Amino acid sequence: MSHPQPLGLALGSGGARGWCHIGVLRELERLGARPAMVAGCSMGALIGAAWAAGRLDALEDWARGLTTAGFMGMIDLRFDRSGLMRGGAIMGLLSDLGLPERIEDLQVPYAAVATDMAAGREVWLRQGSLADAVRASISLPAILRPHRVEGRWLLDGGLINPVPVSAARALGAGRILSVNPNDKGGGPLWEPSEGRLWTALSAPELLDKIPDPLRRMLPERNKAAAAPDYFDVVSASIDVMTEYLRKTREAADPADLALSAQLTDMSTLEFYRAAHAIDEGARIARAAEDRITALLR
């Protein structure tokens, strides 16, 4: 009697939309599915690490509890820096989650995908410091500073492999379930909004907590939707690039089952809306329950 090939997860990048991976993982738990390995890119690397360490509950509690004010507390706007958010805050989170120090100590094989800033090449981090691997993989340009690992400055893996099917395959997966947080459903990659993120950040109770240079950049509240703002441009630029790369990589190396979250109403930077993304992840996994069950046979 033949045994099913080991199932691997490929968890894609997507900024805040990547919280949807938690919903997918919860549905896999409900179905009794236990993937044998996980490869993650950016937010997929963070959530994959927490899952592989048995600390998904702790990460989900933190994500659901993150407020707009909490997000603002992670911003450190200085023009001599290369990112908007403090890397120390992310490293602190990884420590608070109680993750093991080394990738080798995780419960299943794991890989975090990053991009070598100098060589422009994909890097698979499969051993060594887990915190460094995750921190490097989530180094979203203009948002989080690059991270130095073994002499190389590394950027977000989504710049080169947004949904890392190839990395999951390299870990030994015979079948692969991938999750893309950025499905646009055939619609535009960006469309005018009501400046929701700017509006949230410019709420009166938060203004005093915003660094002065950023506060001066805020548009007037009644003009928030007049033109693309800073966060619109960053988010749309990332979407344009990663969608092209995702389609190119998918054509050459498709997953056995690909799930796609539709979170067009959510910016890549709205990390404080985790519940919305988690619910979407659970929805797409429930909708694919029959296909997931067939994949497990």
C-alpha atoms as a PDB file:
ATOM      1  CA  MET A   1       0.000   0.000   0.000  1.00  0.00           C
ATOM      2  CA  SER A   2       1.486   3.317  -1.042  1.00  0.00           C
ATOM      3  CA  HIS A   3       1.760   6.139   1.458  1.00  0.00           C
ATOM      4  CA  PRO A   4       0.854   9.721   0.595  1.00  0.00           C
ATOM      5  CA  GLN A   5       3.734  12.019  -0.163  1.00  0.00           C
ATOM      6  CA  PRO A   6       4.601  14.520   2.588  1.00  0.00           C
ATOM      7  CA  LEU A   7       2.563  17.719   2.485  1.00  0.00           C
ATOM      8  CA  GLY A   8       4.399  21.030   2.544  1.00  0.00           C
ATOM      9  CA  LEU A   9       3.076  24.550   3.082  1.00  0.00           C
ATOM     10  CA  ALA A  10       4.164  27.560   1.047  1.00  0.00           C
ATOM     11  CA  LEU A  11       2.983  30.684   2.878  1.00  0.00           C
ATOM     12  CA  GLY A  12       3.233  33.840   0.806  1.00  0.00           C
ATOM     13  CA  SER A  13       4.077  37.471   1.456  1.00  0.00           C
ATOM     14  CA  GLY A  14       1.433  40.138   1.797  1.00  0.00           C
ATOM     15  CA  GLY A  15       2.183  42.433   4.698  1.00  0.00           C
ATOM     16  CA  ALA A  16      -0.826  42.712   6.982  1.00  0.00           C
ATOM     17  CA  ARG A  17      -2.877  40.585   4.611  1.00  0.00           C
ATOM     18  CA  GLY A  18      -0.578  37.736   5.568  1.00  0.00           C
ATOM     19  CA  TRP A  19      -2.468  37.344   8.836  1.00  0.00           C
ATOM     20  CA  CYS A  20      -4.811  35.242   6.668  1.00  0.00           C
ATOM     21  CA  HIS A  21      -2.321  32.365   7.060  1.00  0.00           C
ATOM     22  CA  ILE A  22      -3.508  31.960  10.647  1.00  0.00           C
ATOM     23  CA  GLY A  23      -7.061  31.317   9.470  1.00  0.00           C
ATOM     24  CA  VAL A  24      -5.858  28.740   6.945  1.00  0.00           C
ATOM     25  CA  LEU A  25      -3.778  26.951   9.575  1.00  0.00           C
ATOM     26  CA  ARG A  26      -6.719  26.862  11.968  1.00  0.00           C
ATOM     27  CA  GLU A  27      -8.862  25.174   9.330  1.00  0.00           C
ATOM     28  CA  LEU A  28      -6.116  22.651   8.602  1.00  0.00           C
ATOM     29  CA  GLU A  29      -6.086  21.839  12.316  1.00  0.00           C
ATOM     30  CA  ARG A  30      -9.841  21.309  12.232  1.00  0.00           C
ATOM     31  CA  LEU A  31      -9.445  18.884   9.332  1.00  0.00           C
ATOM     32  CA  GLY A  32      -6.723  16.987  11.172  1.00  0.00           C
ATOM     33  CA  ALA A  33      -4.122  17.983   8.585  1.00  0.00           C
ATOM     34  CA  ARG A  34      -0.567  18.283   9.858  1.00  0.00           C
ATOM     35  CA  PRO A  35       1.814  19.460   7.122  1.00  0.00           C
ATOM     36  CA  ALA A  36       5.274  17.953   7.309  1.00  0.00           C
ATOM     37  CA  MET A  37       7.184  21.151   6.510  1.00  0.00           C
ATOM     38  CA  VAL A  38       6.701  24.856   5.883  1.00  0.00           C
ATOM     39  CA  ALA A  39       8.386  27.483   3.726  1.00  0.00           C
ATOM     40  CA  GLY A  40       7.418  31.087   4.330  1.00  0.00           C
ATOM     41  CA  CYS A  41       8.057  34.445   2.758  1.00  0.00           C
ATOM     42  CA  SER A  42       7.733  37.688   4.724  1.00  0.00           C
ATOM     43  CA  MET A  43       4.576  37.400   6.876  1.00  0.00           C
ATOM     44  CA  GLY A  44       4.422  33.791   5.781  1.00  0.00           C
ATOM     45  CA  ALA A  45       7.862  33.308   7.350  1.00  0.00           C
ATOM     46  CA  LEU A  46       6.708  34.826  10.645  1.00  0.00           C
ATOM     47  CA  ILE A  47       3.492  32.834  10.868  1.00  0.00           C
ATOM     48  CA  GLY A  48       5.141  29.669   9.583  1.00  0.00           C
ATOM     49  CA  ALA A  49       7.790  29.939  12.298  1.00  0.00           C
ATOM     50  CA  ALA A  50       5.203  30.394  15.032  1.00  0.00           C
ATOM     51  CA  TRP A  51       3.206  27.426  13.736  1.00  0.00           C
ATOM     52  CA  ALA A  52       6.297  25.207  13.419  1.00  0.00           C
ATOM     53  CA  ALA A  53       7.247  26.099  16.999  1.00  0.00           C
ATOM     54  CA  GLY A  54       3.795  25.374  18.409  1.00  0.00           C
ATOM     55  CA  ARG A  55       3.334  29.060  19.268  1.00  0.00           C
ATOM     56  CA  LEU A  56       0.553  29.995  16.866  1.00  0.00           C
ATOM     57  CA  ASP A  57      -1.863  30.719  19.734  1.00  0.00           C
ATOM     58  CA  ALA A  58       0.509  33.301  21.188  1.00  0.00           C
ATOM     59  CA  LEU A  59       1.014  35.011  17.834  1.00  0.00           C
ATOM     60  CA  GLU A  60      -2.704  35.076  17.093  1.00  0.00           C
ATOM     61  CA  ASP A  61      -3.431  36.625  20.501  1.00  0.00           C
ATOM     62  CA  TRP A  62      -0.827  39.327  19.832  1.00  0.00           C
ATOM     63  CA  ALA A  63      -2.144  40.001  16.325  1.00  0.00           C
ATOM     64  CA  ARG A  64      -5.765  40.274  17.420  1.00  0.00           C
ATOM     65  CA  GLY A  65      -4.758  42.589  20.247  1.00  0.00           C
ATOM     66  CA  LEU A  66      -2.709  44.983  18.102  1.00  0.00           C
ATOM     67  CA  THR A  67      -4.353  48.398  17.929  1.00  0.00           C
ATOM     68  CA  THR A  68      -3.708  51.431  15.764  1.00  0.00           C
ATOM     69  CA  ALA A  69      -1.882  52.989  18.716  1.00  0.00           C
ATOM     70  CA  GLY A  70       0.200  49.840  19.113  1.00  0.00           C
ATOM     71  CA  PHE A  71       1.140  49.961  15.453  1.00  0.00           C
ATOM     72  CA  MET A  72       2.159  53.607  15.826  1.00  0.00           C
ATOM     73  CA  GLY A  73       4.404  52.616  18.709  1.00  0.00           C
ATOM     74  CA  MET A  74       6.434  50.506  16.275  1.00  0.00           C
ATOM     75  CA  ILE A  75       7.130  53.459  13.968  1.00  0.00           C
ATOM     76  CA  ASP A  76      10.501  55.173  14.247  1.00  0.00           C
ATOM     77  CA  LEU A  77      10.633  57.804  11.493  1.00  0.00           C
ATOM     78  CA  ARG A  78      14.186  59.093  11.091  1.00  0.00           C
ATOM     79  CA  PHE A  79      15.547  60.117   7.747  1.00  0.00           C
ATOM     80  CA  ASP A  80      18.932  58.573   8.481  1.00  0.00           C
ATOM     81  CA  ARG A  81      17.260  55.172   8.682  1.00  0.00           C
ATOM     82  CA  SER A  82      16.241  52.835   5.866  1.00  0.00           C
ATOM     83  CA  GLY A  83      12.801  51.851   7.114  1.00  0.00           C
ATOM     84  CA  LEU A  84       9.695  53.209   8.794  1.00  0.00           C
ATOM     85  CA  MET A  85       9.345  50.570  11.534  1.00  0.00           C
ATOM     86  CA  ARG A  86      11.752  49.657  14.309  1.00  0.00           C
ATOM     87  CA  GLY A  87      13.430  46.315  13.787  1.00  0.00           C
ATOM     88  CA  GLY A  88      13.883  46.040  17.544  1.00  0.00           C
ATOM     89  CA  ALA A  89      10.126  45.889  18.008  1.00  0.00           C
ATOM     90  CA  ILE A  90       9.920  42.876  15.691  1.00  0.00           C
ATOM     91  CA  MET A  91      12.816  41.111  17.401  1.00  0.00           C
ATOM     92  CA  GLY A  92      11.134  41.782  20.730  1.00  0.00           C
ATOM     93  CA  LEU A  93       7.943  40.174  19.477  1.00  0.00           C
ATOM     94  CA  LEU A  94       9.835  37.082  18.327  1.00  0.00           C
ATOM     95  CA  SER A  95      11.425  36.820  21.775  1.00  0.00           C
ATOM     96  CA  ASP A  96       8.102  37.294  23.579  1.00  0.00           C
ATOM     97  CA  LEU A  97       6.521  34.529  21.511  1.00  0.00           C
ATOM     98  CA  GLY A  98       8.954  32.056  23.005  1.00  0.00           C
ATOM     99  CA  LEU A  99      10.266  30.748  19.703  1.00  0.00           C
ATOM    100  CA  PRO A 100      13.324  28.487  19.801  1.00  0.00           C
ATOM    101  CA  GLU A 101      16.649  30.106  19.094  1.00  0.00           C
ATOM    102  CA  ARG A 102      17.552  27.934  16.136  1.00  0.00           C
ATOM    103  CA  ILE A 103      15.650  26.768  13.079  1.00  0.00           C
ATOM    104  CA  GLU A 104      16.910  23.248  13.725  1.00  0.00           C
ATOM    105  CA  ASP A 105      14.903  23.194  16.980  1.00  0.00           C
ATOM    106  CA  LEU A 106      11.523  23.644  15.278  1.00  0.00           C
ATOM    107  CA  GLN A 107       9.050  20.762  15.217  1.00  0.00           C
ATOM    108  CA  VAL A 108       9.133  20.469  11.400  1.00  0.00           C
ATOM    109  CA  PRO A 109      11.574  21.478   8.629  1.00  0.00           C
ATOM    110  CA  TYR A 110      11.334  25.189   7.898  1.00  0.00           C
ATOM    111  CA  ALA A 111      12.682  27.717   5.434  1.00  0.00           C
ATOM    112  CA  ALA A 112      12.389  31.511   5.388  1.00  0.00           C
ATOM    113  CA  VAL A 113      12.860  33.214   2.021  1.00  0.00           C
ATOM    114  CA  ALA A 114      14.784  36.492   1.818  1.00  0.00           C
ATOM    115  CA  THR A 115      16.529  38.522  -0.880  1.00  0.00           C
ATOM    116  CA  ASP A 116      20.252  39.260  -0.950  1.00  0.00           C
ATOM    117  CA  MET A 117      20.369  43.051  -1.342  1.00  0.00           C
ATOM    118  CA  ALA A 118      23.783  43.088  -3.029  1.00  0.00           C
ATOM    119  CA  ALA A 119      23.446  40.066  -5.312  1.00  0.00           C
ATOM    120  CA  GLY A 120      19.725  40.390  -6.048  1.00  0.00           C
ATOM    121  CA  ARG A 121      19.337  36.679  -5.423  1.00  0.00           C
ATOM    122  CA  GLU A 122      16.947  34.520  -3.470  1.00  0.00           C
ATOM    123  CA  VAL A 123      18.191  33.215  -0.110  1.00  0.00           C
ATOM    124  CA  TRP A 124      16.684  30.236   1.691  1.00  0.00           C
ATOM    125  CA  LEU A 125      17.374  30.371   5.434  1.00  0.00           C
ATOM    126  CA  ARG A 126      17.031  26.787   6.675  1.00  0.00           C
ATOM    127  CA  GLN A 127      19.383  26.682   9.635  1.00  0.00           C
ATOM    128  CA  GLY A 128      20.827  28.985  12.245  1.00  0.00           C
ATOM    129  CA  SER A 129      19.092  31.792  14.128  1.00  0.00           C
ATOM    130  CA  LEU A 130      15.315  31.641  13.715  1.00  0.00           C
ATOM    131  CA  ALA A 131      14.846  35.268  14.781  1.00  0.00           C
ATOM    132  CA  ASP A 132      17.372  36.438  12.196  1.00  0.00           C
ATOM    133  CA  ALA A 133      15.709  34.358   9.478  1.00  0.00           C
ATOM    134  CA  VAL A 134      12.246  35.770  10.155  1.00  0.00           C
ATOM    135  CA  ARG A 135      13.509  39.319  10.628  1.00  0.00           C
ATOM    136  CA  ALA A 136      15.345  39.172   7.286  1.00  0.00           C
ATOM    137  CA  SER A 137      12.384  37.710   5.422  1.00  0.00           C
ATOM    138  CA  ILE A 138      10.016  40.473   6.567  1.00  0.00           C
ATOM    139  CA  SER A 139      12.334  43.387   5.686  1.00  0.00           C
ATOM    140  CA  LEU A 140       9.810  45.130   3.457  1.00  0.00           C
ATOM    141  CA  PRO A 141      11.521  47.999   1.562  1.00  0.00           C
ATOM    142  CA  ALA A 142      10.661  51.479   2.878  1.00  0.00           C
ATOM    143  CA  ILE A 143       8.884  49.917   5.864  1.00  0.00           C
ATOM    144  CA  LEU A 144      11.394  47.756   7.730  1.00  0.00           C
ATOM    145  CA  ARG A 145      15.145  48.136   7.540  1.00  0.00           C
ATOM    146  CA  PRO A 146      17.242  45.423   5.859  1.00  0.00           C
ATOM    147  CA  HIS A 147      18.701  42.835   8.213  1.00  0.00           C
ATOM    148  CA  ARG A 148      22.283  41.604   8.213  1.00  0.00           C
ATOM    149  CA  VAL A 149      22.785  37.839   8.384  1.00  0.00           C
ATOM    150  CA  GLU A 150      26.233  36.261   8.063  1.00  0.00           C
ATOM    151  CA  GLY A 151      27.682  39.303   6.359  1.00  0.00           C
ATOM    152  CA  ARG A 152      24.837  39.827   3.890  1.00  0.00           C
ATOM    153  CA  TRP A 153      22.197  42.546   3.984  1.00  0.00           C
ATOM    154  CA  LEU A 154      18.870  40.819   3.340  1.00  0.00           C
ATOM    155  CA  LEU A 155      15.532  42.215   2.169  1.00  0.00           C
ATOM    156  CA  ASP A 156      11.987  40.867   2.073  1.00  0.00           C
ATOM    157  CA  GLY A 157      11.689  37.571   0.206  1.00  0.00           C
ATOM    158  CA  GLY A 158       8.600  38.828  -1.601  1.00  0.00           C
ATOM    159  CA  LEU A 159      10.884  40.822  -3.879  1.00  0.00           C
ATOM    160  CA  ILE A 160      11.853  37.614  -5.636  1.00  0.00           C
ATOM    161  CA  ASN A 161       9.644  34.677  -4.549  1.00  0.00           C
ATOM    162  CA  PRO A 162       6.329  35.888  -3.095  1.00  0.00           C
ATOM    163  CA  VAL A 163       4.766  32.417  -2.670  1.00  0.00           C
ATOM    164  CA  PRO A 164       7.716  30.064  -2.047  1.00  0.00           C
ATOM    165  CA  VAL A 165       6.554  26.805  -3.611  1.00  0.00           C
ATOM    166  CA  SER A 166      10.100  26.058  -4.768  1.00  0.00           C
ATOM    167  CA  ALA A 167      11.456  26.389  -1.218  1.00  0.00           C
ATOM    168  CA  ALA A 168       8.799  24.021   0.131  1.00  0.00           C
ATOM    169  CA  ARG A 169       9.712  21.536  -2.566  1.00  0.00           C
ATOM    170  CA  ALA A 170      13.387  21.824  -1.596  1.00  0.00           C
ATOM    171  CA  LEU A 171      12.461  20.893   1.975  1.00  0.00           C
ATOM    172  CA  GLY A 172      11.186  17.553   0.658  1.00  0.00           C
ATOM    173  CA  ALA A 173       7.492  18.193   0.106  1.00  0.00           C
ATOM    174  CA  GLY A 174       5.842  15.786  -2.326  1.00  0.00           C
ATOM    175  CA  ARG A 175       2.609  17.781  -2.388  1.00  0.00           C
ATOM    176  CA  ILE A 176       2.316  21.490  -1.756  1.00  0.00           C
ATOM    177  CA  LEU A 177      -0.487  23.671  -0.459  1.00  0.00           C
ATOM    178  CA  SER A 178       0.236  27.337  -1.136  1.00  0.00           C
ATOM    179  CA  VAL A 179      -1.462  30.440   0.241  1.00  0.00           C
ATOM    180  CA  ASN A 180      -1.378  33.781  -1.574  1.00  0.00           C
ATOM    181  CA  PRO A 181      -2.693  36.672   0.581  1.00  0.00           C
ATOM    182  CA  ASN A 182      -2.869  39.072  -2.386  1.00  0.00           C
ATOM    183  CA  ASP A 183      -5.541  37.837  -4.795  1.00  0.00           C
ATOM    184  CA  LYS A 184      -7.163  40.779  -6.569  1.00  0.00           C
ATOM    185  CA  GLY A 185      -9.984  38.768  -8.140  1.00  0.00           C
ATOM    186  CA  GLY A 186      -9.237  40.240 -11.553  1.00  0.00           C
ATOM    187  CA  GLY A 187      -9.707  43.777 -10.287  1.00  0.00           C
ATOM    188  CA  PRO A 188      -7.237  46.675 -10.221  1.00  0.00           C
ATOM    189  CA  LEU A 189      -4.092  46.400  -8.137  1.00  0.00           C
ATOM    190  CA  TRP A 190      -4.898  49.817  -6.697  1.00  0.00           C
ATOM    191  CA  GLU A 191      -7.968  51.997  -6.652  1.00  0.00           C
ATOM    192  CA  PRO A 192      -8.818  55.252  -4.866  1.00  0.00           C
ATOM    193  CA  SER A 193      -9.841  54.744  -1.266  1.00  0.00           C
ATOM    194  CA  GLU A 194     -11.063  56.979   1.511  1.00  0.00           C
ATOM    195  CA  GLY A 195      -7.596  57.330   2.992  1.00  0.00           C
ATOM    196  CA  ARG A 196      -8.515  54.832   5.718  1.00  0.00           C
ATOM    197  CA  LEU A 197      -4.984  54.299   6.983  1.00  0.00           C
ATOM    198  CA  TRP A 198      -4.101  57.986   7.035  1.00  0.00           C
ATOM    199  CA  THR A 199      -7.413  58.734   8.720  1.00  0.00           C
ATOM    200  CA  ALA A 200      -6.746  56.150  11.397  1.00  0.00           C
ATOM    201  CA  LEU A 201      -3.229  57.428  12.044  1.00  0.00           C
ATOM    202  CA  SER A 202      -4.367  61.060  12.221  1.00  0.00           C
ATOM    203  CA  ALA A 203      -7.036  60.421  14.858  1.00  0.00           C
ATOM    204  CA  PRO A 204      -6.748  63.103  17.576  1.00  0.00           C
ATOM    205  CA  GLU A 205      -5.806  60.596  20.293  1.00  0.00           C
ATOM    206  CA  LEU A 206      -2.854  59.390  18.199  1.00  0.00           C
ATOM    207  CA  LEU A 207      -1.450  62.630  16.821  1.00  0.00           C
ATOM    208  CA  ASP A 208       0.723  63.307  19.873  1.00  0.00           C
ATOM    209  CA  LYS A 209       2.293  59.851  19.491  1.00  0.00           C
ATOM    210  CA  ILE A 210       3.270  60.364  15.860  1.00  0.00           C
ATOM    211  CA  PRO A 211       6.884  61.497  15.269  1.00  0.00           C
ATOM    212  CA  ASP A 212       6.945  65.125  14.187  1.00  0.00           C
ATOM    213  CA  PRO A 213       8.288  64.543  10.649  1.00  0.00           C
ATOM    214  CA  LEU A 214       5.501  62.067   9.941  1.00  0.00           C
ATOM    215  CA  ARG A 215       2.860  64.303  11.536  1.00  0.00           C
ATOM    216  CA  ARG A 216       3.785  67.089   9.121  1.00  0.00           C
ATOM    217  CA  MET A 217       3.349  64.642   6.220  1.00  0.00           C
ATOM    218  CA  LEU A 218      -0.243  63.819   7.146  1.00  0.00           C
ATOM    219  CA  PRO A 219      -2.784  65.292   4.745  1.00  0.00           C
ATOM    220  CA  GLU A 220      -5.757  67.249   5.950  1.00  0.00           C
ATOM    221  CA  ARG A 221      -8.428  64.782   7.018  1.00  0.00           C
ATOM    222  CA  ASN A 222     -10.938  66.014   4.447  1.00  0.00           C
ATOM    223  CA  LYS A 223      -8.363  65.616   1.669  1.00  0.00           C
ATOM    224  CA  ALA A 224      -7.215  62.095   2.564  1.00  0.00           C
ATOM    225  CA  ALA A 225      -8.705  60.555  -0.587  1.00  0.00           C
ATOM    226  CA  ALA A 226      -7.742  63.306  -3.011  1.00  0.00           C
ATOM    227  CA  ALA A 227      -4.654  61.483  -4.340  1.00  0.00           C
ATOM    228  CA  PRO A 228      -2.576  58.411  -3.520  1.00  0.00           C
ATOM    229  CA  ASP A 229      -0.844  58.992  -0.190  1.00  0.00           C
ATOM    230  CA  TYR A 230       2.491  57.602   1.023  1.00  0.00           C
ATOM    231  CA  PHE A 231       1.042  54.303   2.212  1.00  0.00           C
ATOM    232  CA  ASP A 232      -1.036  53.924  -0.967  1.00  0.00           C
ATOM    233  CA  VAL A 233       2.085  54.261  -3.096  1.00  0.00           C
ATOM    234  CA  VAL A 234       4.137  51.813  -1.021  1.00  0.00           C
ATOM    235  CA  SER A 235       1.342  49.260  -0.882  1.00  0.00           C
ATOM    236  CA  ALA A 236       0.463  49.491  -4.586  1.00  0.00           C
ATOM    237  CA  SER A 237       4.115  49.327  -5.648  1.00  0.00           C
ATOM    238  CA  ILE A 238       4.602  46.145  -3.670  1.00  0.00           C
ATOM    239  CA  ASP A 239       1.420  44.648  -5.125  1.00  0.00           C
ATOM    240  CA  VAL A 240       2.411  45.422  -8.722  1.00  0.00           C
ATOM    241  CA  MET A 241       5.821  43.829  -8.301  1.00  0.00           C
ATOM    242  CA  THR A 242       4.783  40.756  -6.316  1.00  0.00           C
ATOM    243  CA  GLU A 243       1.790  39.956  -8.523  1.00  0.00           C
ATOM    244  CA  TYR A 244       3.997  39.832 -11.617  1.00  0.00           C
ATOM    245  CA  LEU A 245       6.567  37.678  -9.843  1.00  0.00           C
ATOM    246  CA  ARG A 246       3.935  35.375  -8.362  1.00  0.00           C
ATOM    247  CA  LYS A 247       2.358  34.674 -11.751  1.00  0.00           C
ATOM    248  CA  THR A 248       5.753  34.069 -13.335  1.00  0.00           C
ATOM    249  CA  ARG A 249       6.848  31.650 -10.615  1.00  0.00           C
ATOM    250  CA  GLU A 250       3.478  29.899 -10.535  1.00  0.00           C
ATOM    251  CA  ALA A 251       3.569  29.208 -14.261  1.00  0.00           C
ATOM    252  CA  ALA A 252       6.922  27.446 -13.900  1.00  0.00           C
ATOM    253  CA  ASP A 253       6.311  25.640 -10.601  1.00  0.00           C
ATOM    254  CA  PRO A 254       2.661  25.465  -9.505  1.00  0.00           C
ATOM    255  CA  ALA A 255       1.462  24.175  -6.150  1.00  0.00           C
ATOM    256  CA  ASP A 256      -0.783  21.111  -6.017  1.00  0.00           C
ATOM    257  CA  LEU A 257      -3.427  23.281  -4.382  1.00  0.00           C
ATOM    258  CA  ALA A 258      -3.270  27.071  -4.358  1.00  0.00           C
ATOM    259  CA  LEU A 259      -5.466  29.120  -2.027  1.00  0.00           C
ATOM    260  CA  SER A 260      -5.851  32.851  -2.593  1.00  0.00           C
ATOM    261  CA  ALA A 261      -7.220  35.372  -0.101  1.00  0.00           C
ATOM    262  CA  GLN A 262      -9.239  38.289  -1.409  1.00  0.00           C
ATOM    263  CA  LEU A 263      -8.340  41.216   0.815  1.00  0.00           C
ATOM    264  CA  THR A 264      -8.586  44.082  -1.656  1.00  0.00           C
ATOM    265  CA  ASP A 265     -10.221  46.195   1.055  1.00  0.00           C
ATOM    266  CA  MET A 266      -7.120  45.931   3.229  1.00  0.00           C
ATOM    267  CA  SER A 267      -3.761  47.672   2.831  1.00  0.00           C
ATOM    268  CA  THR A 268      -0.543  45.722   3.254  1.00  0.00           C
ATOM    269  CA  LEU A 269       0.207  48.054   6.176  1.00  0.00           C
ATOM    270  CA  GLU A 270      -2.990  47.707   8.218  1.00  0.00           C
ATOM    271  CA  PHE A 271      -1.461  45.251  10.670  1.00  0.00           C
ATOM    272  CA  TYR A 272      -4.041  46.168  13.310  1.00  0.00           C
ATOM    273  CA  ARG A 273      -6.837  44.563  11.224  1.00  0.00           C
ATOM    274  CA  ALA A 274      -5.661  41.018  11.866  1.00  0.00           C
ATOM    275  CA  ALA A 275      -9.118  39.649  12.681  1.00  0.00           C
ATOM    276  CA  HIS A 276     -10.391  40.581   9.227  1.00  0.00           C
ATOM    277  CA  ALA A 277      -7.542  38.785   7.461  1.00  0.00           C
ATOM    278  CA  ILE A 278      -7.725  35.734   9.736  1.00  0.00           C
ATOM    279  CA  ASP A 279     -11.427  35.384   8.958  1.00  0.00           C
ATOM    280  CA  GLU A 280     -10.681  35.511   5.232  1.00  0.00           C
ATOM    281  CA  GLY A 281      -8.043  32.809   5.593  1.00  0.00           C
ATOM    282  CA  ALA A 282     -10.516  30.566   7.373  1.00  0.00           C
ATOM    283  CA  ARG A 283     -13.125  31.267   4.687  1.00  0.00           C
ATOM    284  CA  ILE A 284     -10.949  30.295   1.741  1.00  0.00           C
ATOM    285  CA  ALA A 285      -9.788  27.131   3.501  1.00  0.00           C
ATOM    286  CA  ARG A 286     -13.374  26.098   4.309  1.00  0.00           C
ATOM    287  CA  ALA A 287     -14.353  26.748   0.702  1.00  0.00           C
ATOM    288  CA  ALA A 288     -11.561  24.399  -0.413  1.00  0.00           C
ATOM    289  CA  GLU A 289     -12.239  21.724   2.202  1.00  0.00           C
ATOM    290  CA  ASP A 290     -12.991  18.976  -0.326  1.00  0.00           C
ATOM    291  CA  ARG A 291      -9.844  19.756  -2.301  1.00  0.00           C
ATOM    292  CA  ILE A 292      -7.735  19.855   0.859  1.00  0.00           C
ATOM    293  CA  THR A 293      -9.147  16.510   1.970  1.00  0.00           C
ATOM    294  CA  ALA A 294      -8.367  15.011  -1.446  1.00  0.00           C
ATOM    295  CA  LEU A 295      -4.810  16.360  -1.211  1.00  0.00           C
ATOM    296  CA  LEU A 296      -4.314  14.536   2.073  1.00  0.00           C
ATOM    297  CA  ARG A 297      -5.212  11.105   0.691  1.00  0.00           C
END
